[in-house]
PDB file of N, CA and C in Angstrom:
ATOM      1  N   MET A   1      18.312  21.199  13.147  1.00  0.00           N
ATOM      2  CA  MET A   1      17.708  20.119  12.142  1.00  0.00           C
ATOM      3  C   MET A   1      18.562  18.851  11.845  1.00  0.00           C
ATOM      4  N   ASP A   2      18.648  17.968  11.321  1.00  0.00           N
ATOM      5  CA  ASP A   2      18.897  16.348  11.395  1.00  0.00           C
ATOM      6  C   ASP A   2      18.847  16.226   9.806  1.00  0.00           C
ATOM      7  N   ILE A   3      20.164  16.572   9.560  1.00  0.00           N
ATOM      8  CA  ILE A   3      20.178  15.545   7.566  1.00  0.00           C
ATOM      9  C   ILE A   3      19.669  14.711   7.482  1.00  0.00           C
ATOM     10  N   ILE A   4      20.224  13.773   7.908  1.00  0.00           N
ATOM     11  CA  ILE A   4      19.219  12.870   8.028  1.00  0.00           C
ATOM     12  C   ILE A   4      17.920  12.167   7.595  1.00  0.00           C
ATOM     13  N   ASN A   5      17.089  13.954   8.273  1.00  0.00           N
ATOM     14  CA  ASN A   5      15.605  13.695   8.892  1.00  0.00           C
ATOM     15  C   ASN A   5      15.026  14.514   7.302  1.00  0.00           C
ATOM     16  N   VAL A   6      15.496  15.251   6.980  1.00  0.00           N
ATOM     17  CA  VAL A   6      15.709  16.147   6.245  1.00  0.00           C
ATOM     18  C   VAL A   6      15.803  15.323   4.257  1.00  0.00           C
ATOM     19  N   ILE A   7      16.774  14.318   4.543  1.00  0.00           N
ATOM     20  CA  ILE A   7      17.371  13.747   3.505  1.00  0.00           C
ATOM     21  C   ILE A   7      15.594  12.258   3.217  1.00  0.00           C
ATOM     22  N   LEU A   8      15.845  11.444   4.101  1.00  0.00           N
ATOM     23  CA  LEU A   8      14.650  10.202   4.187  1.00  0.00           C
ATOM     24  C   LEU A   8      13.512  11.316   3.654  1.00  0.00           C
ATOM     25  N   GLY A   9      13.443  12.436   4.586  1.00  0.00           N
ATOM     26  CA  GLY A   9      11.867  12.883   4.248  1.00  0.00           C
ATOM     27  C   GLY A   9      11.381  13.734   2.135  1.00  0.00           C
ATOM     28  N   SER A  10      12.418  13.878   2.468  1.00  0.00           N
ATOM     29  CA  SER A  10      12.768  14.711   0.504  1.00  0.00           C
ATOM     30  C   SER A  10      12.723  13.384   0.017  1.00  0.00           C
ATOM     31  N   LEU A  11      13.236  12.007  -0.342  1.00  0.00           N
ATOM     32  CA  LEU A  11      13.175  11.155  -0.622  1.00  0.00           C
ATOM     33  C   LEU A  11      11.411  10.473  -0.786  1.00  0.00           C
ATOM     34  N   ALA A  12      11.378  10.224   0.313  1.00  0.00           N
ATOM     35  CA  ALA A  12      10.163   9.788   0.354  1.00  0.00           C
ATOM     36  C   ALA A  12       8.981  11.406   0.116  1.00  0.00           C
ATOM     37  N   ALA A  13       9.077  11.706  -0.148  1.00  0.00           N
ATOM     38  CA  ALA A  13       7.868  12.497  -0.966  1.00  0.00           C
ATOM     39  C   ALA A  13       8.199  12.556  -2.338  1.00  0.00           C
ATOM     40  N   ILE A  14       8.979  12.416  -2.862  1.00  0.00           N
ATOM     41  CA  ILE A  14       9.955  11.653  -4.127  1.00  0.00           C
ATOM     42  C   ILE A  14       8.353  10.665  -4.717  1.00  0.00           C
ATOM     43  N   PHE A  15       9.540   9.741  -3.604  1.00  0.00           N
ATOM     44  CA  PHE A  15       8.712   8.041  -4.211  1.00  0.00           C
ATOM     45  C   PHE A  15       7.370   8.700  -4.168  1.00  0.00           C
ATOM     46  N   GLN A  16       6.613   9.297  -2.724  1.00  0.00           N
ATOM     47  CA  GLN A  16       5.055   9.336  -3.460  1.00  0.00           C
ATOM     48  C   GLN A  16       4.633   9.632  -4.433  1.00  0.00           C
ATOM     49  N   PHE A  17       5.178  11.247  -5.125  1.00  0.00           N
ATOM     50  CA  PHE A  17       4.679  12.006  -5.938  1.00  0.00           C
ATOM     51  C   PHE A  17       4.956  10.956  -7.553  1.00  0.00           C
ATOM     52  N   VAL A  18       6.357  10.002  -7.169  1.00  0.00           N
ATOM     53  CA  VAL A  18       6.071   8.344  -8.103  1.00  0.00           C
ATOM     54  C   VAL A  18       5.636   8.032  -8.070  1.00  0.00           C
ATOM     55  N   ALA A  19       5.241   6.883  -6.812  1.00  0.00           N
ATOM     56  CA  ALA A  19       4.186   6.176  -7.148  1.00  0.00           C
ATOM     57  C   ALA A  19       3.040   6.448  -7.781  1.00  0.00           C
ATOM     58  N   ALA A  20       2.642   8.158  -7.590  1.00  0.00           N
ATOM     59  CA  ALA A  20       1.515   8.760  -7.621  1.00  0.00           C
ATOM     60  C   ALA A  20       1.506   8.596  -9.468  1.00  0.00           C
ATOM     61  N   TYR A  21       2.730   9.193 -10.478  1.00  0.00           N
ATOM     62  CA  TYR A  21       2.813   8.683 -11.382  1.00  0.00           C
ATOM     63  C   TYR A  21       2.611   7.363 -12.008  1.00  0.00           C
ATOM     64  N   PHE A  22       2.823   6.600 -11.480  1.00  0.00           N
ATOM     65  CA  PHE A  22       2.740   5.280 -12.155  1.00  0.00           C
ATOM     66  C   PHE A  22       1.496   4.967 -11.784  1.00  0.00           C
ATOM     67  N   GLY A  23       0.329   5.460 -10.396  1.00  0.00           N
ATOM     68  CA  GLY A  23      -0.503   5.597 -10.415  1.00  0.00           C
ATOM     69  C   GLY A  23      -1.280   5.767 -11.448  1.00  0.00           C
ATOM     70  N   TYR A  24      -1.370   6.946 -12.372  1.00  0.00           N
ATOM     71  CA  TYR A  24      -1.476   7.553 -12.935  1.00  0.00           C
ATOM     72  C   TYR A  24      -1.493   7.113 -14.598  1.00  0.00           C
ATOM     73  N   ARG A  25      -0.442   6.720 -14.678  1.00  0.00           N
ATOM     74  CA  ARG A  25      -0.036   5.959 -15.355  1.00  0.00           C
ATOM     75  C   ARG A  25      -1.421   4.181 -15.501  1.00  0.00           C
ATOM     76  N   ILE A  26      -0.919   3.915 -14.718  1.00  0.00           N
ATOM     77  CA  ILE A  26      -2.063   2.593 -14.780  1.00  0.00           C
ATOM     78  C   ILE A  26      -3.380   2.597 -15.111  1.00  0.00           C
ATOM     79  N   TYR A  27      -3.520   3.466 -14.567  1.00  0.00           N
ATOM     80  CA  TYR A  27      -5.299   4.516 -14.954  1.00  0.00           C
ATOM     81  C   TYR A  27      -4.933   3.886 -16.521  1.00  0.00           C
ATOM     82  N   LYS A  28      -4.351   5.423 -17.277  1.00  0.00           N
ATOM     83  CA  LYS A  28      -4.768   5.484 -18.208  1.00  0.00           C
ATOM     84  C   LYS A  28      -4.284   4.547 -19.617  1.00  0.00           C
ATOM     85  N   PHE A  29      -4.061   3.292 -18.939  1.00  0.00           N
ATOM     86  CA  PHE A  29      -3.686   2.605 -19.227  1.00  0.00           C
ATOM     87  C   PHE A  29      -5.125   1.220 -19.482  1.00  0.00           C
ATOM     88  N   ASN A  30      -5.399   0.946 -17.812  1.00  0.00           N
ATOM     89  CA  ASN A  30      -6.357   0.062 -18.285  1.00  0.00           C
ATOM     90  C   ASN A  30      -8.238   1.274 -18.216  1.00  0.00           C
ATOM     91  N   ARG A  31      -8.282   2.122 -18.206  1.00  0.00           N
ATOM     92  CA  ARG A  31      -8.660   3.150 -17.276  1.00  0.00           C
ATOM     93  C   ARG A  31     -10.761   2.087 -17.198  1.00  0.00           C
ATOM     94  N   LEU A  32     -10.019   0.819 -16.411  1.00  0.00           N
ATOM     95  CA  LEU A  32     -11.125   0.079 -16.090  1.00  0.00           C
ATOM     96  C   LEU A  32     -12.062   1.100 -15.273  1.00  0.00           C
ATOM     97  N   ASN A  33     -11.434   1.162 -13.828  1.00  0.00           N
ATOM     98  CA  ASN A  33     -12.225   2.174 -12.872  1.00  0.00           C
ATOM     99  C   ASN A  33     -11.522   3.601 -12.440  1.00  0.00           C
ATOM    100  N   LYS A  34     -12.488   4.400 -12.492  1.00  0.00           N
ATOM    101  CA  LYS A  34     -11.891   5.835 -12.133  1.00  0.00           C
ATOM    102  C   LYS A  34     -11.414   6.146 -10.615  1.00  0.00           C
ATOM    103  N   TRP A  35     -12.333   5.280 -10.082  1.00  0.00           N
ATOM    104  CA  TRP A  35     -12.109   5.211  -8.571  1.00  0.00           C
ATOM    105  C   TRP A  35     -10.168   4.753  -7.943  1.00  0.00           C
ATOM    106  N   TRP A  36      -9.566   4.397  -9.136  1.00  0.00           N
ATOM    107  CA  TRP A  36      -8.178   3.956  -9.015  1.00  0.00           C
ATOM    108  C   TRP A  36      -7.817   5.370  -8.743  1.00  0.00           C
ATOM    109  N   LEU A  37      -8.667   6.744  -9.724  1.00  0.00           N
ATOM    110  CA  LEU A  37      -7.838   7.799  -9.355  1.00  0.00           C
ATOM    111  C   LEU A  37      -7.727   8.404  -7.544  1.00  0.00           C
ATOM    112  N   ALA A  38      -8.544   7.560  -6.827  1.00  0.00           N
ATOM    113  CA  ALA A  38      -8.540   8.285  -5.494  1.00  0.00           C
ATOM    114  C   ALA A  38      -7.628   7.682  -4.641  1.00  0.00           C
ATOM    115  N   LEU A  39      -6.583   6.520  -5.033  1.00  0.00           N
ATOM    116  CA  LEU A  39      -5.559   5.781  -4.864  1.00  0.00           C
ATOM    117  C   LEU A  39      -4.546   7.191  -6.079  1.00  0.00           C
ATOM    118  N   VAL A  40      -4.286   8.016  -6.171  1.00  0.00           N
ATOM    119  CA  VAL A  40      -3.475   8.179  -7.292  1.00  0.00           C
ATOM    120  C   VAL A  40      -3.330   9.739  -6.240  1.00  0.00           C
ATOM    121  N   LEU A  41      -4.721  10.506  -5.886  1.00  0.00           N
ATOM    122  CA  LEU A  41      -4.849  11.232  -5.239  1.00  0.00           C
ATOM    123  C   LEU A  41      -4.230  11.374  -3.212  1.00  0.00           C
ATOM    124  N   ALA A  42      -4.273  10.051  -3.303  1.00  0.00           N
ATOM    125  CA  ALA A  42      -4.131   9.918  -1.868  1.00  0.00           C
ATOM    126  C   ALA A  42      -2.472   9.639  -1.508  1.00  0.00           C
ATOM    127  N   PHE A  43      -1.891   9.375  -2.400  1.00  0.00           N
ATOM    128  CA  PHE A  43      -0.101   9.800  -3.514  1.00  0.00           C
ATOM    129  C   PHE A  43      -0.189  10.691  -2.714  1.00  0.00           C
ATOM    130  N   ILE A  44      -0.747  11.594  -3.583  1.00  0.00           N
ATOM    131  CA  ILE A  44      -0.087  12.950  -3.919  1.00  0.00           C
ATOM    132  C   ILE A  44      -0.628  13.683  -2.475  1.00  0.00           C
ATOM    133  N   VAL A  45      -1.623  13.506  -1.938  1.00  0.00           N
ATOM    134  CA  VAL A  45      -1.740  14.257  -0.536  1.00  0.00           C
ATOM    135  C   VAL A  45      -0.646  13.562   0.093  1.00  0.00           C
ATOM    136  N   GLN A  46      -0.265  12.349   0.166  1.00  0.00           N
ATOM    137  CA  GLN A  46       0.996  12.160   1.490  1.00  0.00           C
ATOM    138  C   GLN A  46       1.726  12.895   0.564  1.00  0.00           C
ATOM    139  N   GLY A  47       2.188  12.884  -0.453  1.00  0.00           N
ATOM    140  CA  GLY A  47       3.741  13.579  -0.653  1.00  0.00           C
ATOM    141  C   GLY A  47       3.571  14.864  -0.267  1.00  0.00           C
ATOM    142  N   ILE A  48       2.258  15.769  -0.100  1.00  0.00           N
ATOM    143  CA  ILE A  48       2.175  16.972   0.459  1.00  0.00           C
ATOM    144  C   ILE A  48       2.736  17.193   2.307  1.00  0.00           C
ATOM    145  N   ARG A  49       1.789  16.110   2.193  1.00  0.00           N
ATOM    146  CA  ARG A  49       2.136  15.758   3.794  1.00  0.00           C
ATOM    147  C   ARG A  49       3.533  15.551   4.423  1.00  0.00           C
ATOM    148  N   ARG A  50       4.454  14.834   3.500  1.00  0.00           N
ATOM    149  CA  ARG A  50       5.622  14.432   3.249  1.00  0.00           C
ATOM    150  C   ARG A  50       6.528  15.818   3.485  1.00  0.00           C
ATOM    151  N   ILE A  51       5.968  16.386   2.398  1.00  0.00           N
ATOM    152  CA  ILE A  51       6.621  17.910   2.124  1.00  0.00           C
ATOM    153  C   ILE A  51       6.822  18.715   3.512  1.00  0.00           C
ATOM    154  N   PHE A  52       5.441  19.202   4.399  1.00  0.00           N
ATOM    155  CA  PHE A  52       5.171  19.372   5.184  1.00  0.00           C
ATOM    156  C   PHE A  52       5.860  19.328   5.667  1.00  0.00           C
ATOM    157  N   THR A  53       6.376  18.047   6.454  1.00  0.00           N
ATOM    158  CA  THR A  53       7.095  17.493   7.487  1.00  0.00           C
ATOM    159  C   THR A  53       8.639  17.707   6.707  1.00  0.00           C
ATOM    160  N   VAL A  54       9.317  17.681   5.849  1.00  0.00           N
ATOM    161  CA  VAL A  54      10.566  18.262   5.298  1.00  0.00           C
ATOM    162  C   VAL A  54      10.776  19.342   6.107  1.00  0.00           C
ATOM    163  N   PHE A  55       9.856  20.295   5.710  1.00  0.00           N
ATOM    164  CA  PHE A  55      10.034  22.319   6.162  1.00  0.00           C
ATOM    165  C   PHE A  55      10.140  22.247   7.945  1.00  0.00           C
ATOM    166  N   GLU A  56       9.019  21.426   8.682  1.00  0.00           N
ATOM    167  CA  GLU A  56       9.680  21.501  10.282  1.00  0.00           C
ATOM    168  C   GLU A  56      10.819  20.674  10.262  1.00  0.00           C
ATOM    169  N   ASP A  57      10.881  19.480   9.534  1.00  0.00           N
ATOM    170  CA  ASP A  57      12.562  19.377  10.147  1.00  0.00           C
ATOM    171  C   ASP A  57      13.061  20.232  10.256  1.00  0.00           C
ATOM    172  N   VAL A  58      13.246  21.604   9.184  1.00  0.00           N
ATOM    173  CA  VAL A  58      14.017  22.354   8.139  1.00  0.00           C
ATOM    174  C   VAL A  58      14.090  23.813   9.431  1.00  0.00           C
ATOM    175  N   GLY A  59      12.576  23.495   9.866  1.00  0.00           N
ATOM    176  CA  GLY A  59      12.110  25.031  10.945  1.00  0.00           C
ATOM    177  C   GLY A  59      12.475  25.978  10.135  1.00  0.00           C
ATOM    178  N   SER A  60      11.494  25.763   8.799  1.00  0.00           N
ATOM    179  CA  SER A  60      10.829  27.004   7.479  1.00  0.00           C
ATOM    180  C   SER A  60       9.418  27.563   8.199  1.00  0.00           C
ATOM    181  N   PRO A  61       9.876  28.526   8.985  1.00  0.00           N
ATOM    182  CA  PRO A  61       8.704  29.444   9.176  1.00  0.00           C
ATOM    183  C   PRO A  61       7.492  29.819   8.950  1.00  0.00           C
ATOM    184  N   LEU A  62       7.860  29.656   7.312  1.00  0.00           N
ATOM    185  CA  LEU A  62       6.234  29.476   6.245  1.00  0.00           C
ATOM    186  C   LEU A  62       5.767  28.522   6.224  1.00  0.00           C
ATOM    187  N   ILE A  63       5.491  27.437   6.812  1.00  0.00           N
ATOM    188  CA  ILE A  63       5.638  26.213   7.468  1.00  0.00           C
ATOM    189  C   ILE A  63       5.120  26.523   8.614  1.00  0.00           C
ATOM    190  N   ALA A  64       3.343  26.398   8.965  1.00  0.00           N
ATOM    191  CA  ALA A  64       3.619  26.121  10.976  1.00  0.00           C
ATOM    192  C   ALA A  64       2.374  25.184  10.283  1.00  0.00           C
ATOM    193  N   SER A  65       2.424  23.532  10.658  1.00  0.00           N
ATOM    194  CA  SER A  65       1.389  22.688  10.313  1.00  0.00           C
ATOM    195  C   SER A  65       0.954  22.626  12.332  1.00  0.00           C
ATOM    196  N   SER A  66      -0.136  22.185  11.718  1.00  0.00           N
ATOM    197  CA  SER A  66      -0.759  21.748  13.400  1.00  0.00           C
ATOM    198  C   SER A  66      -1.143  20.204  12.860  1.00  0.00           C
ATOM    199  N   ALA A  67      -1.145  19.501  14.946  1.00  0.00           N
ATOM    200  CA  ALA A  67      -1.254  18.146  14.766  1.00  0.00           C
ATOM    201  C   ALA A  67      -2.217  18.071  14.172  1.00  0.00           C
ATOM    202  N   ILE A  68      -3.871  18.883  14.630  1.00  0.00           N
ATOM    203  CA  ILE A  68      -5.000  18.938  13.663  1.00  0.00           C
ATOM    204  C   ILE A  68      -4.649  18.334  12.138  1.00  0.00           C
ATOM    205  N   PHE A  69      -4.060  19.632  11.834  1.00  0.00           N
ATOM    206  CA  PHE A  69      -4.090  19.478  10.519  1.00  0.00           C
ATOM    207  C   PHE A  69      -3.259  18.876   9.756  1.00  0.00           C
ATOM    208  N   ASP A  70      -1.999  18.137  10.007  1.00  0.00           N
ATOM    209  CA  ASP A  70      -1.704  16.167   9.990  1.00  0.00           C
ATOM    210  C   ASP A  70      -2.791  15.491   9.984  1.00  0.00           C
ATOM    211  N   ARG A  71      -3.488  15.250  11.518  1.00  0.00           N
ATOM    212  CA  ARG A  71      -4.631  14.241  11.553  1.00  0.00           C
ATOM    213  C   ARG A  71      -4.882  14.711  10.444  1.00  0.00           C
ATOM    214  N   THR A  72      -5.533  15.306  10.278  1.00  0.00           N
ATOM    215  CA  THR A  72      -6.917  15.723   8.507  1.00  0.00           C
ATOM    216  C   THR A  72      -5.866  14.910   7.698  1.00  0.00           C
ATOM    217  N   LEU A  73      -4.798  15.461   6.916  1.00  0.00           N
ATOM    218  CA  LEU A  73      -4.473  14.965   5.631  1.00  0.00           C
ATOM    219  C   LEU A  73      -4.485  13.177   6.135  1.00  0.00           C
ATOM    220  N   MET A  74      -3.646  12.951   7.266  1.00  0.00           N
ATOM    221  CA  MET A  74      -4.133  11.284   7.261  1.00  0.00           C
ATOM    222  C   MET A  74      -5.660  10.613   6.675  1.00  0.00           C
ATOM    223  N   PHE A  75      -6.956  11.933   7.465  1.00  0.00           N
ATOM    224  CA  PHE A  75      -7.899  10.995   8.057  1.00  0.00           C
ATOM    225  C   PHE A  75      -7.958  10.890   5.489  1.00  0.00           C
ATOM    226  N   ILE A  76      -7.483  11.840   5.292  1.00  0.00           N
ATOM    227  CA  ILE A  76      -8.505  12.210   3.455  1.00  0.00           C
ATOM    228  C   ILE A  76      -7.161  11.239   3.130  1.00  0.00           C
ATOM    229  N   ILE A  77      -6.239  10.888   3.130  1.00  0.00           N
ATOM    230  CA  ILE A  77      -5.002   9.881   2.385  1.00  0.00           C
ATOM    231  C   ILE A  77      -6.052   8.483   2.796  1.00  0.00           C
ATOM    232  N   SER A  78      -6.069   8.109   4.428  1.00  0.00           N
ATOM    233  CA  SER A  78      -6.825   6.821   4.305  1.00  0.00           C
ATOM    234  C   SER A  78      -8.628   6.720   3.784  1.00  0.00           C
ATOM    235  N   LEU A  79      -9.258   8.174   3.974  1.00  0.00           N
ATOM    236  CA  LEU A  79     -10.436   7.948   2.956  1.00  0.00           C
ATOM    237  C   LEU A  79     -10.296   7.722   1.635  1.00  0.00           C
ATOM    238  N   LEU A  80      -9.316   8.351   1.422  1.00  0.00           N
ATOM    239  CA  LEU A  80      -8.929   7.342  -0.401  1.00  0.00           C
ATOM    240  C   LEU A  80      -8.654   6.657  -0.733  1.00  0.00           C
ATOM    241  N   ILE A  81      -7.553   5.571  -0.025  1.00  0.00           N
ATOM    242  CA  ILE A  81      -7.098   5.280  -0.297  1.00  0.00           C
ATOM    243  C   ILE A  81      -9.038   3.398   0.377  1.00  0.00           C
ATOM    244  N   VAL A  82      -9.214   3.992   1.456  1.00  0.00           N
ATOM    245  CA  VAL A  82     -10.516   2.543   1.337  1.00  0.00           C
ATOM    246  C   VAL A  82     -11.492   3.325   0.286  1.00  0.00           C
ATOM    247  N   VAL A  83     -11.967   4.337  -0.060  1.00  0.00           N
ATOM    248  CA  VAL A  83     -12.490   4.153  -0.984  1.00  0.00           C
ATOM    249  C   VAL A  83     -12.643   3.443  -2.872  1.00  0.00           C
ATOM    250  N   GLY A  84     -11.405   4.254  -2.708  1.00  0.00           N
ATOM    251  CA  GLY A  84     -10.215   3.488  -3.727  1.00  0.00           C
ATOM    252  C   GLY A  84     -10.507   1.904  -3.690  1.00  0.00           C
ATOM    253  N   LEU A  85     -10.283   1.395  -3.064  1.00  0.00           N
ATOM    254  CA  LEU A  85      -9.662   0.341  -2.915  1.00  0.00           C
ATOM    255  C   LEU A  85     -10.899  -0.523  -3.163  1.00  0.00           C
ATOM    256  N   TRP A  86     -11.877   0.020  -2.474  1.00  0.00           N
ATOM    257  CA  TRP A  86     -13.466  -0.419  -1.502  1.00  0.00           C
ATOM    258  C   TRP A  86     -14.373  -0.724  -3.387  1.00  0.00           C
ATOM    259  N   ALA A  87     -13.935   0.503  -4.267  1.00  0.00           N
ATOM    260  CA  ALA A  87     -14.958   0.059  -5.532  1.00  0.00           C
ATOM    261  C   ALA A  87     -13.403  -0.667  -6.308  1.00  0.00           C
ATOM    262  N   MET A  88     -12.081  -0.464  -6.367  1.00  0.00           N
ATOM    263  CA  MET A  88     -12.066  -1.779  -7.262  1.00  0.00           C
ATOM    264  C   MET A  88     -12.198  -2.982  -6.504  1.00  0.00           C
ATOM    265  N   MET A  89     -12.493  -3.049  -5.327  1.00  0.00           N
ATOM    266  CA  MET A  89     -12.641  -4.647  -4.986  1.00  0.00           C
ATOM    267  C   MET A  89     -14.237  -5.076  -5.340  1.00  0.00           C
ATOM    268  N   LYS A  90     -15.183  -3.809  -5.217  1.00  0.00           N
ATOM    269  CA  LYS A  90     -16.289  -4.329  -6.701  1.00  0.00           C
ATOM    270  C   LYS A  90     -15.971  -4.926  -7.936  1.00  0.00           C
ATOM    271  N   ASN A  91     -15.474  -4.185  -8.868  1.00  0.00           N
ATOM    272  CA  ASN A  91     -14.787  -4.474  -9.903  1.00  0.00           C
ATOM    273  C   ASN A  91     -14.473  -5.842 -10.305  1.00  0.00           C
ATOM    274  N   PHE A  92     -14.055  -6.222  -9.270  1.00  0.00           N
ATOM    275  CA  PHE A  92     -13.149  -7.545  -9.328  1.00  0.00           C
ATOM    276  C   PHE A  92     -14.539  -8.324  -9.118  1.00  0.00           C
ATOM    277  N   GLU A  93     -15.023  -8.661  -7.948  1.00  0.00           N
ATOM    278  CA  GLU A  93     -16.025  -9.187  -8.311  1.00  0.00           C
ATOM    279  C   GLU A  93     -16.873  -9.544  -9.377  1.00  0.00           C
ATOM    280  N   ASN A  94     -17.636  -8.572  -9.680  1.00  0.00           N
ATOM    281  CA  ASN A  94     -18.068  -8.692 -11.017  1.00  0.00           C
ATOM    282  C   ASN A  94     -17.713  -8.967 -12.139  1.00  0.00           C
ATOM    283  N   PHE A  95     -15.778  -8.974 -12.283  1.00  0.00           N
ATOM    284  CA  PHE A  95     -15.135  -9.656 -13.285  1.00  0.00           C
ATOM    285  C   PHE A  95     -15.062 -11.475 -12.762  1.00  0.00           C
ATOM    286  N   GLU A  96     -14.982 -12.002 -11.946  1.00  0.00           N
ATOM    287  CA  GLU A  96     -15.057 -12.785 -11.000  1.00  0.00           C
ATOM    288  C   GLU A  96     -16.694 -13.335 -11.519  1.00  0.00           C
ATOM    289  N   VAL A  97     -17.854 -12.498 -11.307  1.00  0.00           N
ATOM    290  CA  VAL A  97     -18.882 -13.535 -11.239  1.00  0.00           C
ATOM    291  C   VAL A  97     -19.184 -13.243 -13.794  1.00  0.00           C
ATOM    292  N   ILE A  98     -18.141 -12.768 -13.706  1.00  0.00           N
ATOM    293  CA  ILE A  98     -18.226 -12.723 -15.402  1.00  0.00           C
ATOM    294  C   ILE A  98     -17.528 -13.701 -15.934  1.00  0.00           C
ATOM    295  N   THR A  99     -16.623 -14.359 -14.804  1.00  0.00           N
ATOM    296  CA  THR A  99     -15.474 -14.909 -15.358  1.00  0.00           C
ATOM    297  C   THR A  99     -16.400 -16.340 -15.905  1.00  0.00           C
ATOM    298  N   GLY A 100     -17.127 -16.633 -14.566  1.00  0.00           N
ATOM    299  CA  GLY A 100     -17.694 -17.740 -14.175  1.00  0.00           C
ATOM    300  C   GLY A 100     -18.895 -18.203 -15.207  1.00  0.00           C
ATOM    301  N   LYS A 101     -19.571 -17.023 -15.227  1.00  0.00           N
ATOM    302  CA  LYS A 101     -20.728 -17.592 -16.777  1.00  0.00           C
ATOM    303  C   LYS A 101     -20.449 -17.642 -18.392  1.00  0.00           C
ATOM    304  N   ILE A 102     -18.914 -16.621 -18.292  1.00  0.00           N
ATOM    305  CA  ILE A 102     -18.009 -17.272 -19.725  1.00  0.00           C
ATOM    306  C   ILE A 102     -17.986 -18.754 -19.440  1.00  0.00           C
ATOM    307  N   SER A 103     -17.633 -18.868 -18.320  1.00  0.00           N
ATOM    308  CA  SER A 103     -16.632 -20.085 -18.179  1.00  0.00           C
ATOM    309  C   SER A 103     -17.645 -21.737 -18.893  1.00  0.00           C
ATOM    310  N   GLU A 104     -19.470 -20.656 -18.192  1.00  0.00           N
ATOM    311  CA  GLU A 104     -20.553 -21.431 -18.268  1.00  0.00           C
ATOM    312  C   GLU A 104     -20.380 -21.712 -19.745  1.00  0.00           C
ATOM    313  N   LYS A 105     -20.888 -20.768 -20.018  1.00  0.00           N
ATOM    314  CA  LYS A 105     -21.635 -20.547 -21.503  1.00  0.00           C
ATOM    315  C   LYS A 105     -20.343 -21.341 -22.501  1.00  0.00           C
ATOM    316  N   VAL A 106     -19.125 -20.984 -21.501  1.00  0.00           N
ATOM    317  CA  VAL A 106     -18.055 -22.174 -22.851  1.00  0.00           C
ATOM    318  C   VAL A 106     -18.542 -23.866 -22.743  1.00  0.00           C
ATOM    319  N   LYS A 107     -18.661 -24.111 -21.081  1.00  0.00           N
ATOM    320  CA  LYS A 107     -19.056 -25.672 -21.616  1.00  0.00           C
ATOM    321  C   LYS A 107     -20.110 -25.952 -22.362  1.00  0.00           C
ATOM    322  N   ARG A 108     -21.273 -25.060 -22.000  1.00  0.00           N
ATOM    323  CA  ARG A 108     -22.334 -25.862 -22.760  1.00  0.00           C
ATOM    324  C   ARG A 108     -22.599 -25.244 -24.124  1.00  0.00           C
ATOM    325  N   PHE A 109     -21.305 -24.194 -24.553  1.00  0.00           N
ATOM    326  CA  PHE A 109     -21.280 -24.383 -26.554  1.00  0.00           C
ATOM    327  C   PHE A 109     -20.073 -25.223 -26.542  1.00  0.00           C
ATOM    328  N   LYS A 110     -19.547 -26.366 -25.829  1.00  0.00           N
ATOM    329  CA  LYS A 110     -18.163 -27.463 -26.080  1.00  0.00           C
ATOM    330  C   LYS A 110     -19.396 -28.726 -26.180  1.00  0.00           C
ATOM    331  N   LYS A 111     -20.401 -28.543 -25.340  1.00  0.00           N
ATOM    332  CA  LYS A 111     -20.757 -30.100 -26.050  1.00  0.00           C
ATOM    333  C   LYS A 111     -21.793 -30.251 -26.618  1.00  0.00           C
TER     334      LYS A 111
END
């Protein structure tokens, strides 16, 4: 057991859960897109994955993760990130269209 790996892995897991908390707070603040929660869930799954890694570093017999389990978690994390960002990108594209339409109406109104 390398204590540096355990400390860094533990801190990484903690930061993942803090990121999930901040992501959820952002969602509660703006509630523009429920797909933001996909990113929050990705942070949570990543935190869980990091906890498994710390248990492996410690040599815990309670958790024996396999390579396929790890790859499945990585796939889920990547999928959640892509889906969440893609859905939010669509909203930003809509905002751009709306902003353009509003700008045109303001220009017509000023004339």
